[in-house]
Amino acid sequence: MNFAETSEQELLRGTAREMLSNGNSLGLAHVRALNDGAAHLGVSAGLDDVALWSQMAELGWLGLPFPPEYGGAGGSFMDLAVLLEELGRAVAPPAYTGTVVVCGMTVLHHAREELRRRWLPSIAEGSSRLTLVADGGSAVRAHPDGGALRLDGGVKLVDEAQRSDAYLVAAVDTPEDQQPATTLFMLERETPGIRVSPQRTVAGGDRGDVELDGVRVSAEEMVGERFEGASILGETLERGAVASCLDMVGAGGAVLEMVTAYVAERVQFGRPVGSFQAVQHHAADMAVDMDASRLITYEAAWRLGEGLDASMEVAMAKAWTSQAYRRVTTLGHQLFGGIGLMREHDMHLYMRRGRRDALAFGDATGHLDRLAGILEERGTPWPE
């Protein structure tokens, strides 16, 4: 792949960097305001990000990967990658990934035209948010119910569970006398039988348990064909994993910049602490981790955008970046010293986001296992 950005991508990055700077209403200062107060205890009125979401819609970011006929900008996945990295730098609310990258693009690529017309324009204009309700297991099951289907079960700790207007639900749907399969459904939040219970997490934000109790669904609400949702869900999770990596790449770059600026000006024993070799080694390790993360993540993003098999690259990117970002935030706290552990400092925002991103769409251990399976399937020789 060619890592050089197009002129449009350079403009997008520059605009996003400016809009997400601390001096703007989309910037880190606004994110801090959203996280202050009771944010660390869960969802509260202080976490209202409607104004931020509306401004993202006005900038065209919410419709970036959608075709113009659905109110979008017709951007590529690499355009989206540039924006996701910049959103990560500012620790922007994670609803963008769930709504646009995970659910929106799944609707675009696999849903029938009626669902596309229903949801894509409303996402682009900022009036609808979507999130994925899936756990990779059999938490939600579909049962025949007359001429329709009935969904029962639930998924815990769903991102943006309360603020979303609709859910992309993955259900185990077993054909008669066959092995269990997966079917995807797009369900509105107000569908009878859906209940959401808010939960508290380290990362804060809007997370909740989504329960489905006798939810009746029809073929019109299916995304893709019945029993064929497993491949669609796999593709969806791969996009989500890359989006999480891009979030960590952007956030890690911001942490590295904050740390190097701080150690250059912090004086101890009559000299800047950045002049000490041990501190320089830590900063160098952080830079190596983030450069490697960026390279493998953009490789995975490029392959997804080109429609190539990216299973190995996605697994490598998510496994490496999750661990690398954890190392970077740990060293960031160490180099900032006591101030880095204070709530008034920005480091805790990046650390908390990293814990969320590391678990989203599969953790490092799961992706390492997946990578080992891929290598074995491809007959890759193991070292003696």
Protein backbone atom coordinates (compact mmCIF):
# COMPACT_ATOMS: atom_id res chain seq x y z
CA MET A 1 0.00 0.00 0.00
CA ASN A 2 0.97 3.64 -0.42
CA PHE A 3 1.07 5.40 2.96
CA ALA A 4 1.12 8.85 1.35
CA GLU A 5 -2.12 10.71 2.00
CA THR A 6 -4.11 12.30 -0.81
CA SER A 7 -4.64 16.04 -0.82
CA GLU A 8 -8.23 15.44 0.32
CA GLN A 9 -7.03 13.32 3.23
CA GLU A 10 -4.46 15.94 4.24
CA LEU A 11 -7.22 18.55 4.21
CA LEU A 12 -9.50 16.27 6.24
CA ARG A 13 -6.76 15.61 8.79
CA GLY A 14 -5.91 19.29 9.09
CA THR A 15 -9.54 20.31 9.47
CA ALA A 16 -10.21 17.60 12.03
CA ARG A 17 -7.04 18.46 13.97
CA GLU A 18 -8.11 22.10 14.11
CA MET A 19 -11.71 21.37 15.02
CA LEU A 20 -10.69 18.88 17.69
CA SER A 21 -8.11 21.14 19.29
CA ASN A 22 -8.58 22.31 22.85
CA GLY A 23 -9.74 25.75 21.75
CA ASN A 24 -12.78 24.41 19.93
CA SER A 25 -16.11 23.12 21.14
CA LEU A 26 -15.26 19.71 19.65
CA GLY A 27 -11.92 19.57 21.42
CA LEU A 28 -10.49 17.80 24.43
CA ALA A 29 -11.72 20.52 26.75
CA HIS A 30 -15.28 19.66 25.74
CA VAL A 31 -14.58 15.95 26.16
CA ARG A 32 -13.23 16.70 29.63
CA ALA A 33 -16.47 18.54 30.43
CA LEU A 34 -18.42 15.49 29.31
CA ASN A 35 -16.29 13.29 31.57
CA ASP A 36 -16.30 15.51 34.66
CA GLY A 37 -18.69 15.23 37.55
CA ALA A 38 -20.33 11.82 37.73
CA ALA A 39 -18.95 10.54 34.44
CA HIS A 40 -16.70 8.01 36.15
CA LEU A 41 -19.78 6.59 37.86
CA GLY A 42 -21.78 6.08 34.68
CA VAL A 43 -24.19 7.97 32.46
CA SER A 44 -25.42 11.31 33.73
CA ALA A 45 -26.83 14.56 32.41
CA GLY A 46 -23.26 15.84 32.26
CA LEU A 47 -22.56 13.40 29.46
CA ASP A 48 -24.95 15.05 27.00
CA ASP A 49 -22.99 15.31 23.75
CA VAL A 50 -25.86 16.31 21.45
CA ALA A 51 -24.18 19.59 20.48
CA LEU A 52 -20.94 17.81 19.64
CA TRP A 53 -22.80 15.19 17.59
CA SER A 54 -24.68 17.90 15.68
CA GLN A 55 -21.46 19.71 14.84
CA MET A 56 -19.94 16.49 13.52
CA ALA A 57 -22.97 16.13 11.26
CA GLU A 58 -22.58 19.70 9.99
CA LEU A 59 -18.95 18.97 9.12
CA GLY A 60 -20.07 15.96 7.07
CA TRP A 61 -18.21 13.49 9.25
CA LEU A 62 -21.24 11.33 10.07
CA GLY A 63 -21.90 10.65 6.39
CA LEU A 64 -18.28 10.41 5.29
CA PRO A 65 -18.30 6.78 4.00
CA PHE A 66 -21.86 6.84 2.61
CA PRO A 67 -22.71 7.56 -1.05
CA PRO A 68 -24.22 10.97 -1.91
CA GLU A 69 -27.63 9.43 -2.64
CA TYR A 70 -27.88 8.67 1.09
CA GLY A 71 -26.71 12.10 2.18
CA GLY A 72 -23.07 11.11 2.49
CA ALA A 73 -19.76 12.33 1.10
CA GLY A 74 -18.75 9.18 -0.78
CA GLY A 75 -15.46 8.87 1.08
CA SER A 76 -13.22 5.80 1.15
CA PHE A 77 -12.33 3.67 4.15
CA MET A 78 -8.90 5.29 4.19
CA ASP A 79 -10.58 8.70 4.44
CA LEU A 80 -12.49 7.29 7.38
CA ALA A 81 -9.25 5.98 8.91
CA VAL A 82 -7.74 9.47 8.90
CA LEU A 83 -10.77 10.88 10.70
CA LEU A 84 -10.90 8.02 13.22
CA GLU A 85 -7.25 8.61 14.14
CA GLU A 86 -7.93 12.30 14.75
CA LEU A 87 -11.00 11.50 16.83
CA GLY A 88 -8.80 9.24 18.93
CA ARG A 89 -6.33 12.06 19.54
CA ALA A 90 -9.13 14.08 21.13
CA VAL A 91 -10.67 11.11 22.99
CA ALA A 92 -13.92 11.97 21.22
CA PRO A 93 -17.06 10.07 22.34
CA PRO A 94 -17.03 6.52 20.89
CA ALA A 95 -20.54 6.70 19.39
CA TYR A 96 -19.02 7.53 15.99
CA THR A 97 -17.49 4.08 15.61
CA GLY A 98 -20.66 2.21 16.52
CA THR A 99 -23.00 4.35 14.45
CA VAL A 100 -20.98 5.00 11.31
CA VAL A 101 -18.28 2.33 11.03
CA VAL A 102 -19.94 -0.70 12.61
CA CYS A 103 -23.67 -0.38 11.99
CA GLY A 104 -23.90 2.24 9.25
CA MET A 105 -21.46 0.52 6.90
CA THR A 106 -23.07 -2.86 7.55
CA VAL A 107 -26.43 -1.42 6.55
CA LEU A 108 -24.82 0.15 3.48
CA HIS A 109 -23.20 -3.06 2.27
CA HIS A 110 -25.76 -5.70 3.25
CA ALA A 111 -29.20 -4.31 4.06
CA ARG A 112 -32.09 -4.04 1.63
CA GLU A 113 -32.78 -0.68 0.05
CA GLU A 114 -35.65 0.15 2.40
CA LEU A 115 -33.36 -0.10 5.44
CA ARG A 116 -30.67 1.93 3.72
CA ARG A 117 -33.15 4.71 2.98
CA ARG A 118 -34.46 4.51 6.52
CA TRP A 119 -31.17 4.78 8.39
CA LEU A 120 -28.27 6.12 6.32
CA PRO A 121 -29.66 9.64 5.66
CA SER A 122 -30.68 10.01 9.31
CA ILE A 123 -27.19 8.96 10.43
CA ALA A 124 -25.58 11.45 8.06
CA GLU A 125 -27.75 14.32 9.30
CA GLY A 126 -27.10 13.42 12.94
CA SER A 127 -30.62 12.45 13.92
CA SER A 128 -29.98 8.73 14.51
CA ARG A 129 -27.42 6.69 16.39
CA LEU A 130 -26.96 2.94 16.06
CA THR A 131 -25.03 0.36 18.02
CA LEU A 132 -24.18 -3.33 17.77
CA VAL A 133 -25.80 -5.85 20.12
CA ALA A 134 -23.70 -9.00 19.81
CA ASP A 135 -21.40 -10.99 22.05
CA GLY A 136 -19.96 -13.60 19.70
CA GLY A 137 -21.92 -16.35 21.47
CA SER A 138 -25.53 -17.42 21.80
CA ALA A 139 -26.84 -14.72 24.11
CA VAL A 140 -29.74 -13.82 21.77
CA ARG A 141 -31.76 -16.55 20.09
CA ALA A 142 -34.41 -16.47 17.38
CA HIS A 143 -37.44 -18.75 17.63
CA PRO A 144 -40.24 -19.28 15.10
CA ASP A 145 -43.41 -17.49 16.18
CA GLY A 146 -46.22 -17.91 13.71
CA GLY A 147 -45.25 -16.22 10.49
CA ALA A 148 -42.51 -14.21 12.20
CA LEU A 149 -39.59 -14.74 14.58
CA ARG A 150 -39.23 -14.04 18.29
CA LEU A 151 -35.98 -12.89 19.85
CA ASP A 152 -35.07 -13.70 23.44
CA GLY A 153 -31.86 -13.12 25.40
CA GLY A 154 -29.51 -10.26 26.05
CA VAL A 155 -26.03 -8.80 25.74
CA LYS A 156 -24.13 -7.07 28.53
CA LEU A 157 -22.14 -3.83 28.41
CA VAL A 158 -23.34 -2.59 25.04
CA ASP A 159 -21.74 0.69 23.93
CA GLU A 160 -24.13 3.65 23.63
CA ALA A 161 -26.98 1.42 24.76
CA GLN A 162 -29.18 4.22 26.10
CA ARG A 163 -28.50 6.95 23.55
CA SER A 164 -28.88 4.77 20.46
CA ASP A 165 -32.04 4.92 18.39
CA ALA A 166 -31.66 1.41 16.94
CA TYR A 167 -29.72 -1.78 17.51
CA LEU A 168 -28.03 -4.11 15.05
CA VAL A 169 -28.80 -7.41 16.77
CA ALA A 170 -27.01 -10.68 16.05
CA ALA A 171 -29.18 -13.70 16.93
CA VAL A 172 -28.58 -17.43 16.81
CA ASP A 173 -31.14 -18.72 14.33
CA THR A 174 -31.09 -22.48 13.79
CA PRO A 175 -32.39 -23.92 10.51
CA GLU A 176 -34.49 -27.05 10.88
CA ASP A 177 -32.31 -30.13 11.42
CA GLN A 178 -29.12 -28.14 10.80
CA GLN A 179 -26.29 -26.48 12.69
CA PRO A 180 -26.94 -23.12 14.42
CA ALA A 181 -26.56 -20.09 12.16
CA THR A 182 -26.66 -16.32 12.68
CA THR A 183 -29.21 -13.79 11.46
CA LEU A 184 -28.88 -10.01 11.83
CA PHE A 185 -31.75 -7.64 12.56
CA MET A 186 -32.05 -3.86 12.71
CA LEU A 187 -34.44 -3.02 15.55
CA GLU A 188 -35.60 0.36 16.74
CA ARG A 189 -34.96 1.15 20.39
CA GLU A 190 -38.68 1.50 21.13
CA THR A 191 -39.53 -1.97 19.82
CA PRO A 192 -41.76 -3.73 22.40
CA GLY A 193 -39.78 -6.18 24.49
CA ILE A 194 -36.44 -4.33 24.46
CA ARG A 195 -35.16 -3.20 27.86
CA VAL A 196 -31.88 -1.36 28.66
CA SER A 197 -30.19 -1.30 32.07
CA PRO A 198 -27.34 1.23 32.51
CA GLN A 199 -24.03 -0.07 33.87
CA ARG A 200 -20.98 1.60 35.40
CA THR A 201 -17.53 1.06 33.87
CA VAL A 202 -13.99 2.35 34.34
CA ALA A 203 -14.14 4.07 30.95
CA GLY A 204 -17.35 5.89 31.83
CA GLY A 205 -19.76 6.82 29.07
CA ASP A 206 -22.98 5.18 28.01
CA ARG A 207 -22.91 1.43 28.50
CA GLY A 208 -25.77 -0.83 29.39
CA ASP A 209 -27.20 -4.32 29.30
CA VAL A 210 -29.70 -4.85 26.47
CA GLU A 211 -32.39 -7.46 27.11
CA LEU A 212 -34.80 -8.80 24.49
CA ASP A 213 -37.91 -10.51 25.84
CA GLY A 214 -40.28 -11.89 23.23
CA VAL A 215 -39.33 -9.31 20.60
CA ARG A 216 -41.23 -10.09 17.39
CA VAL A 217 -39.32 -9.41 14.17
CA SER A 218 -40.07 -9.84 10.49
CA ALA A 219 -38.08 -10.36 7.30
CA GLU A 220 -38.21 -6.61 6.60
CA GLU A 221 -35.97 -6.03 9.62
CA MET A 222 -33.29 -8.51 8.57
CA VAL A 223 -29.88 -7.27 7.47
CA GLY A 224 -28.76 -9.68 4.81
CA GLU A 225 -30.42 -13.05 4.25
CA ARG A 226 -31.66 -15.29 7.01
CA PHE A 227 -29.05 -17.74 8.36
CA GLU A 228 -26.25 -15.85 6.54
CA GLY A 229 -25.33 -13.33 9.21
CA ALA A 230 -22.11 -14.96 10.43
CA SER A 231 -19.99 -13.72 7.53
CA ILE A 232 -21.57 -10.26 7.70
CA LEU A 233 -20.97 -10.11 11.45
CA GLY A 234 -17.36 -11.19 10.95
CA GLU A 235 -16.82 -8.37 8.46
CA THR A 236 -18.53 -5.93 10.84
CA LEU A 237 -16.33 -6.95 13.77
CA GLU A 238 -13.20 -6.59 11.63
CA ARG A 239 -14.14 -3.00 10.78
CA GLY A 240 -14.86 -2.33 14.44
CA ALA A 241 -11.51 -3.79 15.50
CA VAL A 242 -9.62 -1.59 13.03
CA ALA A 243 -11.61 1.45 14.17
CA SER A 244 -10.61 0.71 17.78
CA CYS A 245 -6.97 0.41 16.70
CA LEU A 246 -7.16 3.75 14.89
CA ASP A 247 -8.64 5.29 18.04
CA MET A 248 -5.67 3.98 20.03
CA VAL A 249 -3.17 5.10 17.38
CA GLY A 250 -4.51 8.65 17.56
CA ALA A 251 -4.69 8.64 21.34
CA GLY A 252 -1.21 7.15 21.67
CA GLY A 253 0.24 9.82 19.42
CA ALA A 254 -1.34 12.50 21.60
CA VAL A 255 0.05 10.89 24.76
CA LEU A 256 3.54 10.76 23.25
CA GLU A 257 3.35 14.45 22.29
CA MET A 258 2.16 15.41 25.78
CA VAL A 259 4.92 13.40 27.44
CA THR A 260 7.78 14.69 25.28
CA ALA A 261 6.63 18.29 25.78
CA TYR A 262 6.42 17.77 29.54
CA VAL A 263 9.81 16.11 30.04
CA ALA A 264 11.45 18.85 27.96
CA GLU A 265 10.23 21.55 30.36
CA ARG A 266 10.08 19.73 33.71
CA VAL A 267 13.28 20.54 35.62
CA GLN A 268 14.71 18.30 38.32
CA PHE A 269 18.24 18.30 39.77
CA GLY A 270 18.88 21.48 37.80
CA ARG A 271 18.16 20.04 34.35
CA PRO A 272 15.17 18.97 32.24
CA VAL A 273 14.13 15.41 33.11
CA GLY A 274 14.06 14.68 29.38
CA SER A 275 17.85 14.92 29.37
CA PHE A 276 18.13 11.77 31.50
CA GLN A 277 18.85 8.67 29.49
CA ALA A 278 16.27 6.50 31.26
CA VAL A 279 13.51 8.98 30.40
CA GLN A 280 14.71 9.12 26.79
CA HIS A 281 14.58 5.32 26.62
CA HIS A 282 10.97 5.36 27.81
CA ALA A 283 10.01 8.00 25.23
CA ALA A 284 11.77 6.00 22.50
CA ASP A 285 9.91 2.84 23.49
CA MET A 286 6.63 4.75 23.31
CA ALA A 287 7.48 6.07 19.84
CA VAL A 288 8.40 2.59 18.58
CA ASP A 289 5.15 1.14 19.94
CA MET A 290 3.00 3.79 18.31
CA ASP A 291 4.83 3.77 14.96
CA ALA A 292 4.46 -0.01 14.73
CA SER A 293 0.80 0.24 15.73
CA ARG A 294 0.12 2.86 13.10
CA LEU A 295 1.80 0.87 10.32
CA ILE A 296 -0.02 -2.42 10.96
CA THR A 297 -3.34 -0.65 11.60
CA TYR A 298 -3.23 1.31 8.35
CA GLU A 299 -2.24 -1.85 6.48
CA ALA A 300 -5.36 -3.56 7.84
CA ALA A 301 -7.52 -0.50 7.06
CA TRP A 302 -6.20 -0.35 3.49
CA ARG A 303 -6.94 -4.03 2.86
CA LEU A 304 -10.47 -3.62 4.20
CA GLY A 305 -11.00 -0.59 1.99
CA GLU A 306 -9.76 -2.46 -1.07
CA GLY A 307 -12.04 -5.41 -0.39
CA LEU A 308 -9.09 -7.76 0.22
CA ASP A 309 -8.88 -10.49 2.85
CA ALA A 310 -7.68 -8.64 5.95
CA SER A 311 -8.31 -11.28 8.62
CA MET A 312 -4.63 -11.77 9.44
CA GLU A 313 -3.78 -8.06 9.37
CA VAL A 314 -6.78 -7.17 11.57
CA ALA A 315 -5.82 -9.81 14.13
CA MET A 316 -2.21 -8.62 14.14
CA ALA A 317 -3.24 -4.97 14.45
CA LYS A 318 -5.70 -5.50 17.30
CA ALA A 319 -3.40 -7.83 19.26
CA TRP A 320 -0.35 -5.56 18.93
CA THR A 321 -2.01 -2.17 19.28
CA SER A 322 -4.03 -3.14 22.36
CA GLN A 323 -0.87 -4.16 24.20
CA ALA A 324 1.26 -1.33 22.81
CA TYR A 325 -1.23 1.35 23.81
CA ARG A 326 -1.41 -0.06 27.33
CA ARG A 327 2.38 0.19 27.56
CA VAL A 328 2.30 3.76 26.24
CA THR A 329 -0.30 4.97 28.74
CA THR A 330 1.49 3.20 31.60
CA LEU A 331 4.77 4.92 30.70
CA GLY A 332 2.91 8.19 30.23
CA HIS A 333 1.63 8.03 33.80
CA GLN A 334 5.12 7.16 35.02
CA LEU A 335 6.84 10.03 33.19
CA PHE A 336 4.27 12.59 34.29
CA GLY A 337 4.73 11.46 37.86
CA GLY A 338 2.17 12.49 40.45
CA ILE A 339 0.33 15.00 38.27
CA GLY A 340 -0.38 12.27 35.72
CA LEU A 341 -2.48 10.46 38.32
CA MET A 342 -4.65 13.48 39.12
CA ARG A 343 -8.14 13.75 37.70
CA GLU A 344 -7.35 17.31 36.62
CA HIS A 345 -4.80 15.95 34.14
CA ASP A 346 -5.74 14.52 30.73
CA MET A 347 -3.81 11.27 31.13
CA HIS A 348 -6.66 9.48 32.84
CA LEU A 349 -8.92 10.16 29.84
CA TYR A 350 -6.47 8.39 27.54
CA MET A 351 -5.89 5.52 29.96
CA ARG A 352 -9.60 4.89 30.46
CA ARG A 353 -10.29 5.01 26.72
CA GLY A 354 -7.48 2.52 26.18
CA ARG A 355 -9.07 0.01 28.54
CA ARG A 356 -12.28 0.26 26.54
CA ASP A 357 -10.59 0.01 23.14
CA ALA A 358 -8.45 -2.94 24.18
CA LEU A 359 -11.55 -5.00 24.98
CA ALA A 360 -13.76 -3.78 22.12
CA PHE A 361 -14.25 -6.24 19.24
CA GLY A 362 -11.98 -8.82 20.83
CA ASP A 363 -9.05 -8.46 23.19
CA ALA A 364 -5.37 -9.11 22.45
CA THR A 365 -5.51 -12.73 23.62
CA GLY A 366 -8.49 -13.52 21.43
CA HIS A 367 -6.89 -11.97 18.36
CA LEU A 368 -3.60 -13.78 19.01
CA ASP A 369 -5.54 -17.05 19.10
CA ARG A 370 -7.28 -16.06 15.88
CA LEU A 371 -3.94 -15.20 14.27
CA ALA A 372 -2.51 -18.58 15.27
CA GLY A 373 -5.50 -20.29 13.68
CA ILE A 374 -5.10 -18.32 10.46
CA LEU A 375 -1.41 -19.16 10.23
CA GLU A 376 -2.14 -22.83 10.82
CA GLU A 377 -4.86 -22.84 8.15
CA ARG A 378 -2.42 -21.27 5.67
CA GLY A 379 0.19 -23.86 6.43
CA THR A 380 2.68 -21.35 7.80
CA PRO A 381 5.70 -23.30 9.08
CA TRP A 382 6.43 -22.83 12.76
CA PRO A 383 10.04 -22.35 13.89
CA GLU A 384 11.70 -25.50 15.13
